[in-house]
Amino acid sequence: MESKEIAKKMTAVNNGFLHLLINIALLALALWLCIDVGNNNFTLGGILGGVCWVLWGLHVGGFKQMVIQPNHARVLTFFGKYVGTVRDNGFFWTNPFYSRKKMSLRADNMDVEPIKVNDRNGNPIMIGLVLVWKVEDTYRACFDVEADSYHNFVAVQSDSALRKVASLYAYDNLDDKDELTLRNGGDEINRRLEQEIRKHLEIAGIEVVEARINYLAYAQEIASVMLKRQQAEAIISAREKIVEGAVSMVDTALKKLAADHVVEMDEERKAAMVSNLMVVLCGDEGASPVINTGSIY
């Protein structure tokens, strides 16, 4: 979108301290005309003094809100017509008939409260974000959105973008472990969120510095069910590791016994030993060994 902002540069003519001296001189001249000339010619002194007082009053109006701090700007309009934006820092004087709107160009942040949305699978989730933004185009921020409400515009559009991104991804993967989800997406999800918010805020001349998800959870009505599912998956995963380790240990034990000729066992005895070892290694409770003092046959 093409910017309509006009950068109005301040020159030596607009120097506030120079015009402050001019203003003091006008004030002194007005007083001199009223007092000195008025004593000799009341009518002439009154007319000239009145003119100087009017000029002085108008000149004073040119100083209004023209002390510009770093990362601030003034948007100037002349009877409804946009004149330009002053981004220079310092003390300036401008046309007293200009209207001046103060705007901050500093980075601001917004904590969007968690909202309830449905993810791609239709599961209700709670999701929130932190947004860092700043005004980039003062013309759009002033005139393309409702005056003095672009902060509210940022909040509403950020909420809308967050809802859209959340609906494009599942909260967590069910079967496909390589699937990109809100939970494991990390930087990629945040980049997608930034792009979406940037499109929503472009009309207001807002630059998105950073956007990231800072809260993510299942909604309360399904949180307990999903917690049980996650616990079941964790148990299954742990069991798989235990069985894999147990099989490896049993295989090593049998090979070691055979290699060292510790004991000779037929297939039936090997099967019994494997069964006992698997029960001991995969059990949840500690084993209670029974010592056999007789023959194993």
Protein backbone atom coordinates (compact mmCIF):
# COMPACT_ATOMS: atom_id res chain seq x y z
CA MET A 1 0.00 0.00 0.00
CA GLU A 2 1.50 3.33 -1.10
CA SER A 3 2.21 5.75 1.71
CA LYS A 4 0.72 9.25 1.62
CA GLU A 5 2.93 10.53 4.42
CA ILE A 6 4.82 13.76 3.67
CA ALA A 7 8.09 14.23 5.55
CA LYS A 8 8.19 17.89 6.55
CA LYS A 9 11.77 18.89 7.31
CA MET A 10 12.45 21.67 9.79
CA THR A 11 15.00 24.31 8.69
CA ALA A 12 16.75 27.24 10.37
CA VAL A 13 13.67 29.35 9.59
CA ASN A 14 11.66 27.13 11.93
CA ASN A 15 14.17 27.31 14.76
CA GLY A 16 12.19 27.79 17.96
CA PHE A 17 14.86 29.79 19.76
CA LEU A 18 15.14 32.26 16.88
CA HIS A 19 11.39 32.82 16.91
CA LEU A 20 11.46 33.11 20.68
CA LEU A 21 13.74 36.14 20.28
CA ILE A 22 11.41 37.54 17.61
CA ASN A 23 8.47 36.99 19.96
CA ILE A 24 10.23 38.87 22.78
CA ALA A 25 11.01 41.72 20.37
CA LEU A 26 7.33 41.90 19.31
CA LEU A 27 6.28 42.02 22.94
CA ALA A 28 8.76 44.81 23.71
CA LEU A 29 7.63 46.75 20.60
CA ALA A 30 3.98 46.42 21.58
CA LEU A 31 4.69 47.73 25.07
CA TRP A 32 6.78 50.62 23.72
CA LEU A 33 4.09 51.66 21.23
CA CYS A 34 1.38 51.55 23.88
CA ILE A 35 3.39 53.50 26.44
CA ASP A 36 5.75 55.87 24.62
CA VAL A 37 3.81 56.60 21.42
CA GLY A 38 0.52 56.52 23.29
CA ASN A 39 1.65 59.36 25.53
CA ASN A 40 2.17 61.63 22.48
CA ASN A 41 -0.60 60.35 20.24
CA PHE A 42 -3.11 58.10 21.97
CA THR A 43 -4.92 57.07 18.79
CA LEU A 44 -1.77 56.18 16.81
CA GLY A 45 -0.17 54.45 19.78
CA GLY A 46 -3.33 52.44 20.39
CA ILE A 47 -3.65 51.32 16.76
CA LEU A 48 0.03 50.39 16.33
CA GLY A 49 0.18 48.79 19.76
CA GLY A 50 -2.98 46.79 19.08
CA VAL A 51 -1.53 45.50 15.78
CA CYS A 52 1.68 44.42 17.55
CA TRP A 53 -0.29 42.70 20.30
CA VAL A 54 -2.27 40.72 17.70
CA LEU A 55 0.93 39.73 15.86
CA TRP A 56 2.52 38.74 19.13
CA GLY A 57 -0.49 36.59 20.10
CA LEU A 58 -0.51 34.84 16.72
CA HIS A 59 3.23 34.30 16.87
CA VAL A 60 2.95 32.70 20.31
CA GLY A 61 0.53 30.14 18.84
CA GLY A 62 3.31 28.85 16.57
CA PHE A 63 5.14 27.37 19.57
CA LYS A 64 2.25 25.15 20.63
CA GLN A 65 3.29 21.46 20.97
CA MET A 66 6.45 21.96 18.94
CA VAL A 67 8.93 20.52 21.40
CA ILE A 68 9.54 17.10 19.80
CA GLN A 69 11.16 14.35 21.87
CA PRO A 70 13.14 11.43 20.35
CA ASN A 71 10.90 8.88 18.59
CA HIS A 72 7.95 11.27 18.56
CA ALA A 73 6.34 13.15 15.68
CA ARG A 74 3.83 15.90 14.96
CA VAL A 75 1.19 15.51 12.25
CA LEU A 76 0.33 18.95 10.81
CA THR A 77 -2.96 19.92 9.16
CA PHE A 78 -4.07 23.30 7.84
CA PHE A 79 -7.84 23.77 8.15
CA GLY A 80 -8.43 20.07 7.44
CA LYS A 81 -5.72 19.64 4.79
CA TYR A 82 -2.78 17.38 5.59
CA VAL A 83 0.47 19.37 5.44
CA GLY A 84 3.11 16.88 6.56
CA THR A 85 4.71 15.04 9.45
CA VAL A 86 7.59 16.43 11.49
CA ARG A 87 9.91 13.71 12.78
CA ASP A 88 12.88 15.99 13.61
CA ASN A 89 13.72 16.37 17.29
CA GLY A 90 14.05 19.76 18.93
CA PHE A 91 12.21 23.05 19.55
CA PHE A 92 10.46 24.50 16.49
CA TRP A 93 8.02 27.18 15.39
CA THR A 94 5.38 26.59 12.73
CA ASN A 95 2.44 28.38 11.20
CA PRO A 96 0.13 29.24 14.14
CA PHE A 97 -2.90 28.15 12.08
CA TYR A 98 -1.59 24.59 11.81
CA SER A 99 -3.31 21.92 13.87
CA ARG A 100 -0.79 19.60 15.49
CA LYS A 101 -1.35 16.01 16.56
CA LYS A 102 1.26 14.37 18.76
CA MET A 103 2.20 10.78 17.87
CA SER A 104 4.63 8.40 19.51
CA LEU A 105 6.88 6.35 17.22
CA ARG A 106 8.26 4.27 20.07
CA ALA A 107 7.74 0.52 20.24
CA ASP A 108 4.72 -0.52 22.30
CA ASN A 109 3.64 -3.94 23.47
CA MET A 110 0.26 -5.55 23.94
CA ASP A 111 -0.62 -8.66 25.91
CA VAL A 112 -3.65 -10.18 24.19
CA GLU A 113 -5.62 -12.09 26.82
CA PRO A 114 -6.16 -15.80 26.08
CA ILE A 115 -9.21 -16.38 23.90
CA LYS A 116 -11.17 -19.56 23.24
CA VAL A 117 -10.99 -20.83 19.66
CA ASN A 118 -11.31 -24.15 17.84
CA ASP A 119 -8.15 -25.63 16.37
CA ARG A 120 -8.07 -27.39 13.00
CA ASN A 121 -9.50 -30.56 14.52
CA GLY A 122 -12.34 -28.68 16.17
CA ASN A 123 -10.95 -28.97 19.71
CA PRO A 124 -11.61 -25.90 21.88
CA ILE A 125 -8.34 -24.35 23.06
CA MET A 126 -7.22 -21.25 24.92
CA ILE A 127 -4.53 -19.20 23.17
CA GLY A 128 -2.96 -15.79 23.81
CA LEU A 129 -0.15 -13.72 22.34
CA VAL A 130 2.29 -10.90 23.03
CA LEU A 131 2.59 -8.26 20.30
CA VAL A 132 5.35 -5.65 19.92
CA TRP A 133 4.43 -2.89 17.46
CA LYS A 134 5.02 0.73 16.55
CA VAL A 135 3.62 3.40 14.24
CA GLU A 136 5.43 3.42 10.90
CA ASP A 137 3.14 5.57 8.73
CA THR A 138 1.67 8.51 10.63
CA TYR A 139 -0.74 9.46 7.82
CA ARG A 140 -2.52 6.09 7.91
CA ALA A 141 -2.51 5.97 11.71
CA CYS A 142 -4.18 9.39 11.85
CA PHE A 143 -6.51 9.42 8.85
CA ASP A 144 -7.13 5.85 7.63
CA VAL A 145 -8.50 4.60 10.95
CA GLU A 146 -10.74 6.27 13.52
CA ALA A 147 -8.94 9.17 15.19
CA ASP A 148 -7.32 8.42 18.56
CA SER A 149 -8.39 4.75 18.41
CA TYR A 150 -5.61 2.99 16.53
CA HIS A 151 -4.59 1.30 19.81
CA ASN A 152 -8.02 -0.34 19.91
CA PHE A 153 -7.68 -1.14 16.20
CA VAL A 154 -4.42 -2.99 16.92
CA ALA A 155 -6.07 -4.99 19.73
CA VAL A 156 -9.10 -6.04 17.66
CA GLN A 157 -7.12 -6.95 14.54
CA SER A 158 -4.53 -8.89 16.55
CA ASP A 159 -7.34 -10.90 18.11
CA SER A 160 -8.76 -11.61 14.64
CA ALA A 161 -5.40 -12.71 13.24
CA LEU A 162 -4.77 -14.97 16.23
CA ARG A 163 -8.13 -16.70 15.73
CA LYS A 164 -7.35 -17.32 12.07
CA VAL A 165 -3.89 -18.79 12.69
CA ALA A 166 -5.14 -20.98 15.56
CA SER A 167 -7.81 -22.48 13.30
CA LEU A 168 -5.22 -23.50 10.68
CA TYR A 169 -3.25 -25.88 12.93
CA ALA A 170 -4.02 -28.67 15.34
CA TYR A 171 -3.14 -28.18 18.99
CA ASP A 172 -1.11 -31.38 19.05
CA ASN A 173 -0.38 -34.23 16.66
CA LEU A 174 -2.37 -37.44 17.06
CA ASP A 175 -0.88 -39.87 14.56
CA ASP A 176 1.49 -37.93 12.30
CA LYS A 177 4.51 -37.13 14.47
CA ASP A 178 5.98 -34.84 11.78
CA GLU A 179 2.86 -32.67 11.55
CA LEU A 180 3.33 -28.98 12.36
CA THR A 181 1.14 -28.07 15.32
CA LEU A 182 0.57 -25.13 17.63
CA ARG A 183 2.38 -26.97 20.39
CA ASN A 184 5.54 -27.91 18.50
CA GLY A 185 5.52 -25.23 15.77
CA GLY A 186 7.57 -22.72 17.74
CA ASP A 187 9.24 -20.09 15.57
CA GLU A 188 7.44 -21.15 12.39
CA ILE A 189 4.01 -20.64 13.97
CA ASN A 190 5.13 -17.27 15.35
CA ARG A 191 6.36 -16.19 11.89
CA ARG A 192 3.01 -17.13 10.39
CA LEU A 193 1.28 -15.18 13.14
CA GLU A 194 3.46 -12.11 12.47
CA GLN A 195 2.62 -12.24 8.76
CA GLU A 196 -1.10 -12.49 9.45
CA ILE A 197 -1.10 -9.62 11.96
CA ARG A 198 0.99 -7.50 9.58
CA LYS A 199 -1.65 -7.91 6.85
CA HIS A 200 -4.40 -6.90 9.26
CA LEU A 201 -2.53 -3.80 10.53
CA GLU A 202 -1.15 -2.54 7.22
CA ILE A 203 -4.12 -0.22 6.68
CA ALA A 204 -3.27 1.59 9.94
CA GLY A 205 0.42 2.09 9.13
CA ILE A 206 1.49 -0.17 11.99
CA GLU A 207 4.77 -2.09 11.88
CA VAL A 208 4.80 -5.45 13.65
CA VAL A 209 8.15 -5.81 15.44
CA GLU A 210 7.41 -9.18 17.03
CA ALA A 211 4.46 -11.47 17.69
CA ARG A 212 4.60 -14.71 19.62
CA ILE A 213 2.20 -17.08 21.35
CA ASN A 214 2.60 -16.81 25.13
CA TYR A 215 -0.28 -19.01 26.31
CA LEU A 216 -1.57 -22.29 24.92
CA ALA A 217 -3.80 -24.85 26.60
CA TYR A 218 -6.88 -26.96 26.03
CA ALA A 219 -10.15 -25.36 27.08
CA GLN A 220 -11.41 -26.37 30.51
CA GLU A 221 -14.21 -28.63 29.24
CA ILE A 222 -11.79 -31.04 27.51
CA ALA A 223 -8.60 -30.41 29.46
CA SER A 224 -9.03 -33.43 31.79
CA VAL A 225 -9.77 -35.80 28.89
CA MET A 226 -6.78 -34.60 26.89
CA LEU A 227 -4.58 -34.87 29.98
CA LYS A 228 -5.54 -38.54 30.31
CA ARG A 229 -4.74 -39.04 26.64
CA GLN A 230 -1.33 -37.44 27.05
CA GLN A 231 -0.67 -39.57 30.13
CA ALA A 232 -1.65 -42.71 28.20
CA GLU A 233 0.71 -41.78 25.36
CA ALA A 234 3.51 -41.18 27.86
CA ILE A 235 2.88 -44.57 29.51
CA ILE A 236 2.84 -46.35 26.15
CA SER A 237 6.05 -44.64 25.10
CA ALA A 238 7.71 -45.57 28.39
CA ARG A 239 6.53 -49.18 28.09
CA GLU A 240 7.97 -49.42 24.61
CA LYS A 241 11.35 -48.28 25.90
CA ILE A 242 11.18 -50.73 28.83
CA VAL A 243 10.29 -53.68 26.59
CA GLU A 244 13.00 -52.75 24.10
CA GLY A 245 15.56 -52.60 26.88
CA ALA A 246 14.32 -55.84 28.46
CA VAL A 247 14.58 -57.76 25.18
CA SER A 248 18.11 -56.50 24.70
CA MET A 249 19.09 -57.52 28.24
CA VAL A 250 17.56 -61.01 27.90
CA ASP A 251 19.31 -61.55 24.59
CA THR A 252 22.62 -60.48 26.10
CA ALA A 253 22.12 -62.76 29.12
CA LEU A 254 21.38 -65.84 26.99
CA LYS A 255 24.35 -65.20 24.72
CA LYS A 256 26.65 -64.65 27.69
CA LEU A 257 25.53 -67.86 29.42
CA ALA A 258 26.06 -69.85 26.24
CA ALA A 259 29.42 -68.27 25.44
CA ASP A 260 30.84 -68.86 28.94
CA HIS A 261 29.33 -72.36 29.16
CA VAL A 262 27.78 -71.51 32.49
CA VAL A 263 24.78 -73.75 31.96
CA GLU A 264 23.34 -75.79 29.13
CA MET A 265 19.62 -75.24 28.51
CA ASP A 266 17.23 -76.68 25.99
CA GLU A 267 14.68 -74.55 24.18
CA GLU A 268 12.01 -75.17 26.80
CA ARG A 269 14.26 -73.97 29.61
CA LYS A 270 15.35 -70.97 27.58
CA ALA A 271 11.73 -70.04 27.01
CA ALA A 272 11.03 -70.30 30.75
CA MET A 273 14.06 -68.15 31.54
CA VAL A 274 13.04 -65.53 28.96
CA SER A 275 9.54 -65.46 30.44
CA ASN A 276 10.83 -65.00 33.98
CA LEU A 277 13.32 -62.30 32.99
CA MET A 278 10.71 -60.36 30.99
CA VAL A 279 8.31 -60.46 33.95
CA VAL A 280 11.03 -59.18 36.29
CA LEU A 281 12.36 -56.47 33.93
CA CYS A 282 8.95 -55.20 32.72
CA GLY A 283 7.09 -55.39 36.02
CA ASP A 284 6.02 -52.28 37.92
CA GLU A 285 7.02 -53.75 41.29
CA GLY A 286 10.27 -55.22 42.51
CA ALA A 287 10.80 -58.94 42.00
CA SER A 288 10.66 -61.46 44.91
CA PRO A 289 13.30 -64.06 44.02
CA VAL A 290 12.87 -67.71 44.95
CA ILE A 291 16.11 -69.65 45.50
CA ASN A 292 16.02 -73.16 44.08
CA THR A 293 18.43 -75.44 45.98
CA GLY A 294 17.59 -78.50 43.99
CA SER A 295 18.03 -79.57 40.42
CA ILE A 296 16.66 -77.33 37.72
CA TYR A 297 15.36 -80.50 36.00
